[in-house]
Structure formats: structure tokens, C-alpha cells
Amino acid sequence: DGTLRRLRHGWLARPDADALVVTAVATGGCVACADALRLHGAWVPASLGRGHVRRSRRGRTPRRAGCRAPGLEPPIDHAVDDVEVAFRCVLRCGTREDIVVIADSLLHLRLATRDELERWVAEGPARAIEAMRWIDAAESGLETMVRVRLRRRRLRVRSQVWIEDMRVDLVVRDFLVIECDGGEHH
């Protein structure tokens, strides 16, 4: 009927508002981490799951119940964390591969630069800092996952390689071409 619902002091929701956003705001928090990055359009591995919320100290649930970014915790001013804060939260929740997949996506979508990503991981765990050397050009998370897993096996892999007038996703050593097309491509 178009009636706004009060979630907490100063926060209202339309009837068609995203359920996770409504729940996060109603409990004194915001959508964070992997879910915030999904809402910004980034490719996020399904292994990170759903329900990532960052809560303020004043929230109705314990602070430890939500995601946190390394370093200084920014205030909750919006219903969904910005790209920087969300990515910094992933540094705690995600694996090294998750971090690389998301970083590649942010670069590809121009939601972040390599310099920004390196600045954002500076206060993160060692695996996040290590992940920065694995970042490369990729057009999809699937492509990044294949590249990372092959390189982990010490195979030489190049991304986004031009062969005559065609660009391919991956070239392993100098003789195997791999195209990574997931379900959304078909």
C-alpha cells in the first residue's frame, strides 16, 4: 500500500525494501562484507554465503555477531556499506581466493583501483596482503578461480591473452587455452 515502516529512529523502509537491508537496519546495523559488494555489483563467490551485517555498538544484538573491517571501524551512516568498508570486511571473512576473486571483480568493474585495494588491505591479515600479488585481469569470478587454482599448482597462466584477432580468458604455459563461461553466460 506504499506505507513506510519505521525500522529504528530516523530509518524508514518501503514495503518493497530488500529483506536483508531491512533486517540489518532494524537491528542497528547495515549490510556489509560480501552482501554489500553483491549489491554494488561485484562478483562474489557463493562460498561466502549470505547474511553479512555490520552492527554498531548501539545495535540490539551483540557487536561480535556481525562482520568487522580491520583497523578503525567506521560509523554506520548508510543501510549498505560502501565498497571500501565492504571489501575490508571480506579481508576477515574470506579466504585468500575469495579476496582475489572480489578484487579482480572490483578492478574489472572499475569500482576500485589497484592502489586503493592495496591501501585497503594494508591493515588486514597476512593472507589478504599476500592475495594482492595474485590479482590480475579477469572478466569473471569463475575465470579468477580457475587462474588462482592453476597458479597454486605452480602452472604458468596468463590472463586475457590476444591470439591473432581473438582474446581468450587464460593460456596455460604456451599451449593450452581455457575459456571460462559459467551458467550466467549461457
Protein backbone atom coordinates (compact mmCIF):
# COMPACT_ATOMS: atom_id res chain seq x y z
CA ASP A 1 0.00 0.00 0.00
CA GLY A 2 3.06 2.30 -0.09
CA THR A 3 3.18 2.79 3.68
CA LEU A 4 6.65 3.32 5.10
CA ARG A 5 7.66 1.13 8.01
CA ARG A 6 9.79 2.52 10.85
CA LEU A 7 12.88 0.36 11.42
CA ARG A 8 14.62 2.45 14.08
CA HIS A 9 14.96 6.13 14.94
CA GLY A 10 15.46 8.02 11.68
CA TRP A 11 15.25 4.95 9.43
CA LEU A 12 12.21 4.01 7.35
CA ALA A 13 11.64 1.24 4.82
CA ARG A 14 9.36 0.97 1.83
CA PRO A 15 7.29 -2.23 1.54
CA ASP A 16 9.48 -3.44 -1.35
CA ALA A 17 12.79 -2.90 0.51
CA ASP A 18 15.37 -5.72 0.40
CA ALA A 19 14.78 -8.07 3.37
CA LEU A 20 18.45 -8.25 4.37
CA VAL A 21 18.74 -4.46 4.33
CA VAL A 22 15.59 -4.14 6.47
CA THR A 23 16.85 -6.70 9.00
CA ALA A 24 20.31 -5.12 9.19
CA VAL A 25 18.95 -1.61 9.74
CA ALA A 26 16.26 -2.76 12.19
CA THR A 27 18.94 -4.37 14.38
CA GLY A 28 21.13 -1.28 14.41
CA GLY A 29 23.47 -2.24 11.59
CA CYS A 30 23.99 -2.21 7.86
CA VAL A 31 24.56 -4.72 5.07
CA ALA A 32 28.30 -5.38 4.93
CA CYS A 33 31.04 -7.53 3.53
CA ALA A 34 30.10 -9.93 0.72
CA ASP A 35 26.43 -8.91 0.63
CA ALA A 36 27.25 -5.20 0.31
CA LEU A 37 29.67 -5.98 -2.52
CA ARG A 38 26.98 -8.04 -4.28
CA LEU A 39 24.62 -5.05 -4.01
CA HIS A 40 27.35 -2.86 -5.56
CA GLY A 41 27.52 -5.32 -8.49
CA ALA A 42 30.75 -7.18 -7.66
CA TRP A 43 31.18 -10.88 -8.41
CA VAL A 44 31.27 -12.62 -5.02
CA PRO A 45 31.86 -16.36 -4.54
CA ALA A 46 28.81 -18.26 -3.30
CA SER A 47 31.05 -19.84 -0.63
CA LEU A 48 30.89 -16.57 1.32
CA GLY A 49 27.18 -17.17 1.90
CA ARG A 50 24.55 -14.56 2.75
CA GLY A 51 23.62 -12.52 5.80
CA HIS A 52 26.73 -10.34 6.23
CA VAL A 53 25.84 -7.47 8.55
CA ARG A 54 27.99 -4.95 10.41
CA ARG A 55 26.49 -3.70 13.65
CA SER A 56 27.16 -0.61 15.71
CA ARG A 57 27.84 -0.68 19.43
CA ARG A 58 24.33 0.67 19.97
CA GLY A 59 22.69 -2.15 17.99
CA ARG A 60 20.16 -4.51 19.53
CA THR A 61 22.42 -7.54 19.12
CA PRO A 62 25.96 -8.18 20.39
CA ARG A 63 28.67 -6.44 18.36
CA ARG A 64 30.57 -9.69 17.88
CA ALA A 65 27.61 -11.11 15.96
CA GLY A 66 28.49 -9.21 12.78
CA CYS A 67 31.25 -8.55 10.27
CA ARG A 68 34.06 -6.13 11.08
CA ALA A 69 36.68 -4.40 9.00
CA PRO A 70 40.31 -4.43 10.15
CA GLY A 71 41.55 -1.13 11.54
CA LEU A 72 39.38 1.77 12.57
CA GLU A 73 35.70 0.83 12.44
CA PRO A 74 33.72 3.46 10.50
CA PRO A 75 30.34 4.62 11.79
CA ILE A 76 27.17 3.17 10.30
CA ASP A 77 25.70 6.02 8.27
CA HIS A 78 24.08 4.06 5.43
CA ALA A 79 22.00 0.91 5.03
CA VAL A 80 24.70 -0.68 2.85
CA ASP A 81 28.46 -0.28 3.40
CA ASP A 82 30.45 1.43 0.66
CA VAL A 83 32.85 -0.62 -1.47
CA GLU A 84 35.92 0.13 0.66
CA VAL A 85 34.39 -0.85 4.01
CA ALA A 86 32.70 -3.91 2.49
CA PHE A 87 35.95 -5.10 0.91
CA ARG A 88 37.84 -4.54 4.17
CA CYS A 89 35.24 -6.74 5.93
CA VAL A 90 35.87 -9.51 3.37
CA LEU A 91 39.51 -9.49 4.49
CA ARG A 92 38.33 -11.11 7.75
CA CYS A 93 35.51 -13.30 6.40
CA GLY A 94 37.01 -14.54 3.14
CA THR A 95 39.77 -16.89 2.10
CA ARG A 96 42.72 -15.69 0.03
CA GLU A 97 40.93 -16.95 -3.08
CA ASP A 98 37.73 -15.06 -2.14
CA ILE A 99 39.76 -11.87 -1.72
CA VAL A 100 41.43 -12.29 -5.13
CA VAL A 101 38.11 -13.07 -6.87
CA ILE A 102 36.45 -9.99 -5.41
CA ALA A 103 39.47 -7.74 -6.01
CA ASP A 104 39.59 -8.82 -9.68
CA SER A 105 35.87 -8.06 -9.98
CA LEU A 106 36.24 -4.62 -8.39
CA LEU A 107 39.07 -3.80 -10.80
CA HIS A 108 37.18 -5.09 -13.84
CA LEU A 109 34.05 -3.10 -12.90
CA ARG A 110 36.17 -0.03 -12.09
CA LEU A 111 34.74 0.07 -8.56
CA ALA A 112 38.32 0.27 -7.21
CA THR A 113 41.87 0.80 -8.44
CA ARG A 114 44.84 -1.43 -7.64
CA ASP A 115 46.27 1.37 -5.46
CA GLU A 116 43.01 1.59 -3.50
CA LEU A 117 42.91 -2.17 -2.99
CA GLU A 118 46.49 -2.19 -1.72
CA ARG A 119 45.68 0.64 0.68
CA TRP A 120 42.56 -1.17 1.90
CA VAL A 121 44.44 -4.40 2.69
CA ALA A 122 47.33 -2.66 4.49
CA GLU A 123 45.77 -3.25 7.92
CA GLY A 124 44.35 -6.65 7.04
CA PRO A 125 45.55 -10.15 7.84
CA ALA A 126 48.69 -11.55 6.17
CA ARG A 127 46.66 -13.70 3.72
CA ALA A 128 44.96 -10.52 2.43
CA ILE A 129 48.27 -8.75 1.87
CA GLU A 130 49.60 -11.89 0.15
CA ALA A 131 46.48 -12.03 -2.04
CA MET A 132 47.39 -8.73 -3.71
CA ARG A 133 50.14 -10.40 -5.74
CA TRP A 134 47.56 -12.83 -7.19
CA ILE A 135 45.31 -10.09 -8.62
CA ASP A 136 45.20 -9.95 -12.41
CA ALA A 137 42.89 -9.06 -15.27
CA ALA A 138 39.70 -11.13 -15.29
CA GLU A 139 36.20 -10.68 -16.58
CA SER A 140 34.50 -13.12 -14.22
CA GLY A 141 34.91 -14.69 -10.84
CA LEU A 142 34.97 -18.14 -12.42
CA GLU A 143 37.94 -17.09 -14.55
CA THR A 144 39.77 -15.80 -11.47
CA MET A 145 39.08 -19.00 -9.55
CA VAL A 146 40.45 -21.17 -12.38
CA ARG A 147 43.53 -18.93 -12.74
CA VAL A 148 44.26 -18.94 -8.98
CA ARG A 149 43.84 -22.71 -8.67
CA LEU A 150 46.13 -23.38 -11.64
CA ARG A 151 48.80 -20.98 -10.34
CA ARG A 152 48.57 -22.63 -6.92
CA ARG A 153 49.73 -25.78 -8.73
CA ARG A 154 52.70 -23.76 -10.00
CA LEU A 155 51.48 -23.62 -13.60
CA ARG A 156 52.30 -20.53 -15.66
CA VAL A 157 48.96 -18.90 -16.51
CA ARG A 158 48.37 -15.69 -18.45
CA SER A 159 45.01 -13.87 -18.40
CA GLN A 160 43.17 -12.08 -21.19
CA VAL A 161 45.62 -13.04 -23.95
CA TRP A 162 45.23 -11.92 -27.56
CA ILE A 163 45.77 -14.69 -30.11
CA GLU A 164 45.63 -13.07 -33.54
CA ASP A 165 42.31 -11.16 -33.50
CA MET A 166 40.69 -13.04 -30.61
CA ARG A 167 41.09 -12.57 -26.87
CA VAL A 168 40.99 -15.70 -24.70
CA ASP A 169 40.47 -15.94 -20.94
CA LEU A 170 43.52 -17.98 -19.97
CA VAL A 171 46.61 -19.52 -21.57
CA VAL A 172 48.36 -22.22 -19.55
CA ARG A 173 52.04 -22.46 -20.33
CA ASP A 174 52.01 -21.62 -24.02
CA PHE A 175 49.79 -24.30 -25.46
CA LEU A 176 46.51 -24.70 -23.56
CA VAL A 177 43.70 -22.16 -23.99
CA ILE A 178 40.91 -22.09 -21.42
CA GLU A 179 37.64 -20.19 -21.80
CA CYS A 180 35.68 -19.82 -18.55
CA ASP A 181 31.97 -19.43 -19.24
CA GLY A 182 29.71 -20.02 -16.24
CA GLY A 183 25.97 -20.59 -16.11
CA GLU A 184 25.13 -16.88 -16.34
CA HIS A 185 26.89 -16.74 -19.75
CA HIS A 186 24.55 -19.34 -21.18
